[in-house]
C-alpha atoms as a PDB file:
ATOM      1  CA  ILE A   1    -219.131-146.511  83.138  1.00  0.00           C
ATOM      2  CA  GLU A   2    -217.128-146.473  79.708  1.00  0.00           C
ATOM      3  CA  GLU A   3    -219.460-143.725  78.277  1.00  0.00           C
ATOM      4  CA  ALA A   4    -218.213-141.541  81.271  1.00  0.00           C
ATOM      5  CA  ALA A   5    -214.618-142.757  81.030  1.00  0.00           C
ATOM      6  CA  LEU A   6    -215.007-141.650  77.182  1.00  0.00           C
ATOM      7  CA  LYS A   7    -215.495-138.135  78.320  1.00  0.00           C
ATOM      8  CA  THR A   8    -212.054-137.944  80.095  1.00  0.00           C
ATOM      9  CA  VAL A   9    -210.271-138.517  76.711  1.00  0.00           C
ATOM     10  CA  LYS A  10    -208.485-135.287  76.222  1.00  0.00           C
ATOM     11  CA  MET A  11    -207.038-135.209  72.462  1.00  0.00           C
ATOM     12  CA  PRO A  12    -203.688-133.646  71.602  1.00  0.00           C
ATOM     13  CA  ALA A  13    -203.950-129.675  72.212  1.00  0.00           C
ATOM     14  CA  ASP A  14    -202.259-129.213  69.088  1.00  0.00           C
ATOM     15  CA  GLY A  15    -204.130-131.957  66.991  1.00  0.00           C
ATOM     16  CA  LYS A  16    -201.474-133.802  66.264  1.00  0.00           C
ATOM     17  CA  PHE A  17    -201.219-137.795  67.361  1.00  0.00           C
ATOM     18  CA  ILE A  18    -197.973-138.754  66.189  1.00  0.00           C
ATOM     19  CA  GLY A  19    -194.516-138.087  67.617  1.00  0.00           C
ATOM     20  CA  ASP A  20    -190.959-139.877  66.971  1.00  0.00           C
ATOM     21  CA  TRP A  21    -191.547-143.891  66.844  1.00  0.00           C
ATOM     22  CA  LYS A  22    -187.959-144.440  68.181  1.00  0.00           C
ATOM     23  CA  VAL A  23    -188.464-142.409  71.175  1.00  0.00           C
ATOM     24  CA  GLY A  24    -191.752-144.288  71.520  1.00  0.00           C
ATOM     25  CA  GLU A  25    -189.663-147.652  71.408  1.00  0.00           C
ATOM     26  CA  THR A  26    -187.778-146.436  74.333  1.00  0.00           C
ATOM     27  CA  LEU A  27    -190.834-145.386  76.154  1.00  0.00           C
ATOM     28  CA  ALA A  28    -192.512-148.591  75.522  1.00  0.00           C
ATOM     29  CA  GLN A  29    -189.765-151.187  76.603  1.00  0.00           C
ATOM     30  CA  SER A  30    -188.903-148.934  80.005  1.00  0.00           C
ATOM     31  CA  GLY A  31    -190.438-150.231  83.142  1.00  0.00           C
ATOM     32  CA  ARG A  32    -189.312-146.935  85.576  1.00  0.00           C
ATOM     33  CA  GLY A  33    -191.475-145.147  87.261  1.00  0.00           C
ATOM     34  CA  MET A  34    -195.089-145.262  89.698  1.00  0.00           C
ATOM     35  CA  THR A  35    -193.435-147.737  92.131  1.00  0.00           C
ATOM     36  CA  TRP A  36    -191.992-147.007  95.787  1.00  0.00           C
ATOM     37  CA  THR A  37    -188.379-147.714  94.459  1.00  0.00           C
ATOM     38  CA  ASP A  38    -188.413-145.152  91.430  1.00  0.00           C
ATOM     39  CA  LYS A  39    -187.216-141.943  92.136  1.00  0.00           C
ATOM     40  CA  SER A  40    -189.625-138.983  91.465  1.00  0.00           C
ATOM     41  CA  THR A  41    -190.559-137.917  88.289  1.00  0.00           C
ATOM     42  CA  ALA A  42    -189.418-134.449  89.071  1.00  0.00           C
ATOM     43  CA  THR A  43    -186.034-136.091  88.014  1.00  0.00           C
ATOM     44  CA  SER A  44    -186.728-138.820  85.225  1.00  0.00           C
ATOM     45  CA  ALA A  45    -189.819-139.776  83.470  1.00  0.00           C
ATOM     46  CA  ASN A  46    -191.986-143.036  83.693  1.00  0.00           C
ATOM     47  CA  GLY A  47    -192.197-145.079  81.239  1.00  0.00           C
ATOM     48  CA  GLY A  48    -194.726-147.331  79.757  1.00  0.00           C
ATOM     49  CA  ASN A  49    -193.680-150.659  80.539  1.00  0.00           C
ATOM     50  CA  CYS A  50    -195.494-151.936  77.575  1.00  0.00           C
ATOM     51  CA  TYR A  51    -193.487-154.644  77.018  1.00  0.00           C
ATOM     52  CA  ASN A  52    -194.729-156.038  80.619  1.00  0.00           C
ATOM     53  CA  CYS A  53    -198.309-157.276  78.970  1.00  0.00           C
ATOM     54  CA  HIS A  54    -197.581-157.092  75.271  1.00  0.00           C
ATOM     55  CA  GLN A  55    -195.355-158.272  72.845  1.00  0.00           C
ATOM     56  CA  ILE A  56    -194.195-155.307  70.738  1.00  0.00           C
ATOM     57  CA  SER A  57    -192.086-156.398  67.863  1.00  0.00           C
ATOM     58  CA  LYS A  58    -191.175-159.802  66.327  1.00  0.00           C
ATOM     59  CA  THR A  59    -187.190-159.361  67.879  1.00  0.00           C
ATOM     60  CA  GLU A  60    -188.901-159.280  71.401  1.00  0.00           C
ATOM     61  CA  ILE A  61    -187.667-162.559  73.436  1.00  0.00           C
ATOM     62  CA  SER A  62    -189.174-161.710  76.646  1.00  0.00           C
ATOM     63  CA  PHE A  63    -192.758-160.204  76.847  1.00  0.00           C
ATOM     64  CA  GLY A  64    -195.910-160.338  79.121  1.00  0.00           C
ATOM     65  CA  THR A  65    -198.945-162.249  77.571  1.00  0.00           C
ATOM     66  CA  LEU A  66    -201.708-160.097  79.811  1.00  0.00           C
ATOM     67  CA  GLY A  67    -202.404-158.219  76.887  1.00  0.00           C
ATOM     68  CA  PRO A  68    -202.835-158.720  73.523  1.00  0.00           C
ATOM     69  CA  SER A  69    -199.717-158.542  71.131  1.00  0.00           C
ATOM     70  CA  LEU A  70    -199.100-155.402  69.461  1.00  0.00           C
ATOM     71  CA  TYR A  71    -196.915-156.596  66.788  1.00  0.00           C
ATOM     72  CA  GLN A  72    -198.304-154.903  63.505  1.00  0.00           C
ATOM     73  CA  TYR A  73    -200.671-152.805  65.303  1.00  0.00           C
ATOM     74  CA  GLY A  74    -200.889-150.420  62.672  1.00  0.00           C
ATOM     75  CA  LYS A  75    -200.069-152.877  59.780  1.00  0.00           C
ATOM     76  CA  ILE A  76    -203.248-154.836  60.580  1.00  0.00           C
ATOM     77  CA  ARG A  77    -205.594-152.018  60.750  1.00  0.00           C
ATOM     78  CA  GLY A  78    -204.497-150.960  57.864  1.00  0.00           C
ATOM     79  CA  VAL A  79    -202.710-147.397  58.961  1.00  0.00           C
ATOM     80  CA  ALA A  80    -200.415-146.758  55.605  1.00  0.00           C
ATOM     81  CA  ASN A  81    -200.214-143.341  56.827  1.00  0.00           C
ATOM     82  CA  PRO A  82    -201.579-142.268  60.364  1.00  0.00           C
ATOM     83  CA  ASP A  83    -202.304-138.461  59.228  1.00  0.00           C
ATOM     84  CA  ALA A  84    -204.208-139.413  56.684  1.00  0.00           C
ATOM     85  CA  PRO A  85    -208.294-138.687  57.252  1.00  0.00           C
ATOM     86  CA  GLU A  86    -209.178-142.723  56.616  1.00  0.00           C
ATOM     87  CA  SER A  87    -206.687-143.519  59.088  1.00  0.00           C
ATOM     88  CA  ARG A  88    -208.656-141.138  61.607  1.00  0.00           C
ATOM     89  CA  ALA A  89    -210.806-143.724  63.214  1.00  0.00           C
ATOM     90  CA  ILE A  90    -207.874-145.812  64.169  1.00  0.00           C
ATOM     91  CA  VAL A  91    -205.675-143.058  64.993  1.00  0.00           C
ATOM     92  CA  GLU A  92    -208.521-141.760  67.539  1.00  0.00           C
ATOM     93  CA  TYR A  93    -209.107-145.057  68.864  1.00  0.00           C
ATOM     94  CA  THR A  94    -205.570-145.789  69.890  1.00  0.00           C
ATOM     95  CA  TRP A  95    -205.225-142.277  71.556  1.00  0.00           C
ATOM     96  CA  GLY A  96    -208.373-142.790  73.563  1.00  0.00           C
ATOM     97  CA  LYS A  97    -207.089-146.297  74.420  1.00  0.00           C
ATOM     98  CA  LEU A  98    -203.881-145.154  75.800  1.00  0.00           C
ATOM     99  CA  TRP A  99    -205.496-141.988  77.485  1.00  0.00           C
ATOM    100  CA  ASN A 100    -208.253-144.254  79.231  1.00  0.00           C
ATOM    101  CA  ALA A 101    -208.446-147.809  78.446  1.00  0.00           C
ATOM    102  CA  LYS A 102    -211.637-147.851  80.553  1.00  0.00           C
ATOM    103  CA  ALA A 103    -213.194-145.737  77.632  1.00  0.00           C
ATOM    104  CA  TYR A 104    -213.295-149.099  75.733  1.00  0.00           C
ATOM    105  CA  ASN A 105    -213.160-152.001  78.185  1.00  0.00           C
ATOM    106  CA  ALA A 106    -214.571-151.061  82.004  1.00  0.00           C
ATOM    107  CA  CYS A 107    -212.453-153.969  83.142  1.00  0.00           C
ATOM    108  CA  SER A 108    -209.376-153.172  81.546  1.00  0.00           C
ATOM    109  CA  GLY A 109    -206.182-153.539  83.581  1.00  0.00           C
ATOM    110  CA  MET A 110    -204.303-151.644  81.277  1.00  0.00           C
ATOM    111  CA  PRO A 111    -203.337-148.009  82.918  1.00  0.00           C
ATOM    112  CA  ARG A 112    -204.838-145.212  82.011  1.00  0.00           C
ATOM    113  CA  PHE A 113    -201.712-143.405  80.892  1.00  0.00           C
ATOM    114  CA  GLY A 114    -203.313-139.595  79.758  1.00  0.00           C
ATOM    115  CA  HIS A 115    -205.969-139.601  82.634  1.00  0.00           C
ATOM    116  CA  GLY A 116    -203.861-140.968  85.344  1.00  0.00           C
ATOM    117  CA  LYS A 117    -201.107-138.730  84.260  1.00  0.00           C
ATOM    118  CA  LEU A 118    -198.557-141.377  84.164  1.00  0.00           C
ATOM    119  CA  LEU A 119    -197.369-140.026  80.387  1.00  0.00           C
ATOM    120  CA  ASP A 120    -197.637-136.459  79.391  1.00  0.00           C
ATOM    121  CA  GLU A 121    -199.089-135.961  75.737  1.00  0.00           C
ATOM    122  CA  THR A 122    -195.573-136.036  74.201  1.00  0.00           C
ATOM    123  CA  GLN A 123    -194.922-139.510  75.767  1.00  0.00           C
ATOM    124  CA  LEU A 124    -197.966-140.612  74.406  1.00  0.00           C
ATOM    125  CA  LYS A 125    -197.599-139.331  71.030  1.00  0.00           C
ATOM    126  CA  ASN A 126    -194.295-141.182  70.496  1.00  0.00           C
ATOM    127  CA  ILE A 127    -195.998-144.242  71.999  1.00  0.00           C
ATOM    128  CA  MET A 128    -198.509-143.775  69.036  1.00  0.00           C
ATOM    129  CA  ALA A 129    -195.992-143.331  66.267  1.00  0.00           C
ATOM    130  CA  LEU A 130    -194.499-146.715  67.574  1.00  0.00           C
ATOM    131  CA  LEU A 131    -197.911-148.219  67.274  1.00  0.00           C
ATOM    132  CA  LEU A 132    -199.110-146.934  64.008  1.00  0.00           C
ATOM    133  CA  ASP A 133    -196.175-145.529  62.147  1.00  0.00           C
ATOM    134  CA  PRO A 134    -195.454-147.650  59.152  1.00  0.00           C
ATOM    135  CA  ARG A 135    -191.956-147.346  59.724  1.00  0.00           C
ATOM    136  CA  SER A 136    -191.837-149.005  63.225  1.00  0.00           C
ATOM    137  CA  PRO A 137    -190.576-152.167  64.106  1.00  0.00           C
ATOM    138  CA  VAL A 138    -194.184-152.985  65.250  1.00  0.00           C
ATOM    139  CA  ASN A 139    -195.184-152.277  61.777  1.00  0.00           C
ATOM    140  CA  GLN A 140    -192.811-154.575  60.084  1.00  0.00           C
END
């Protein structure tokens, strides 16, 4: 199952994985989208709703615990520069996990953000920056 899911992961078209962590933080904190009460995505974009399952930064006072804490995600994994060749494996893993979480855990309850078209490529790059940019509050 995981092998088949891994084959669905589409790497960024331009080869760049990292966007703007500030926009990523807004996306991660946004619970908007994909419920019957939300407006269509034609008028407003989905959020990532990451805080619902994960701690994102140390300053958060309310967050879910269904998923692991993401606090210091990049720092713990030694990502001092997400564009550096030595960071490539964790960058690609993180992208794949966001694109289709079932590629790494067939029983994952995490949304398949890219595969399910819940977030677009630019939004995913911004979430990637939040998780991996050393200047992001996640890595402070």
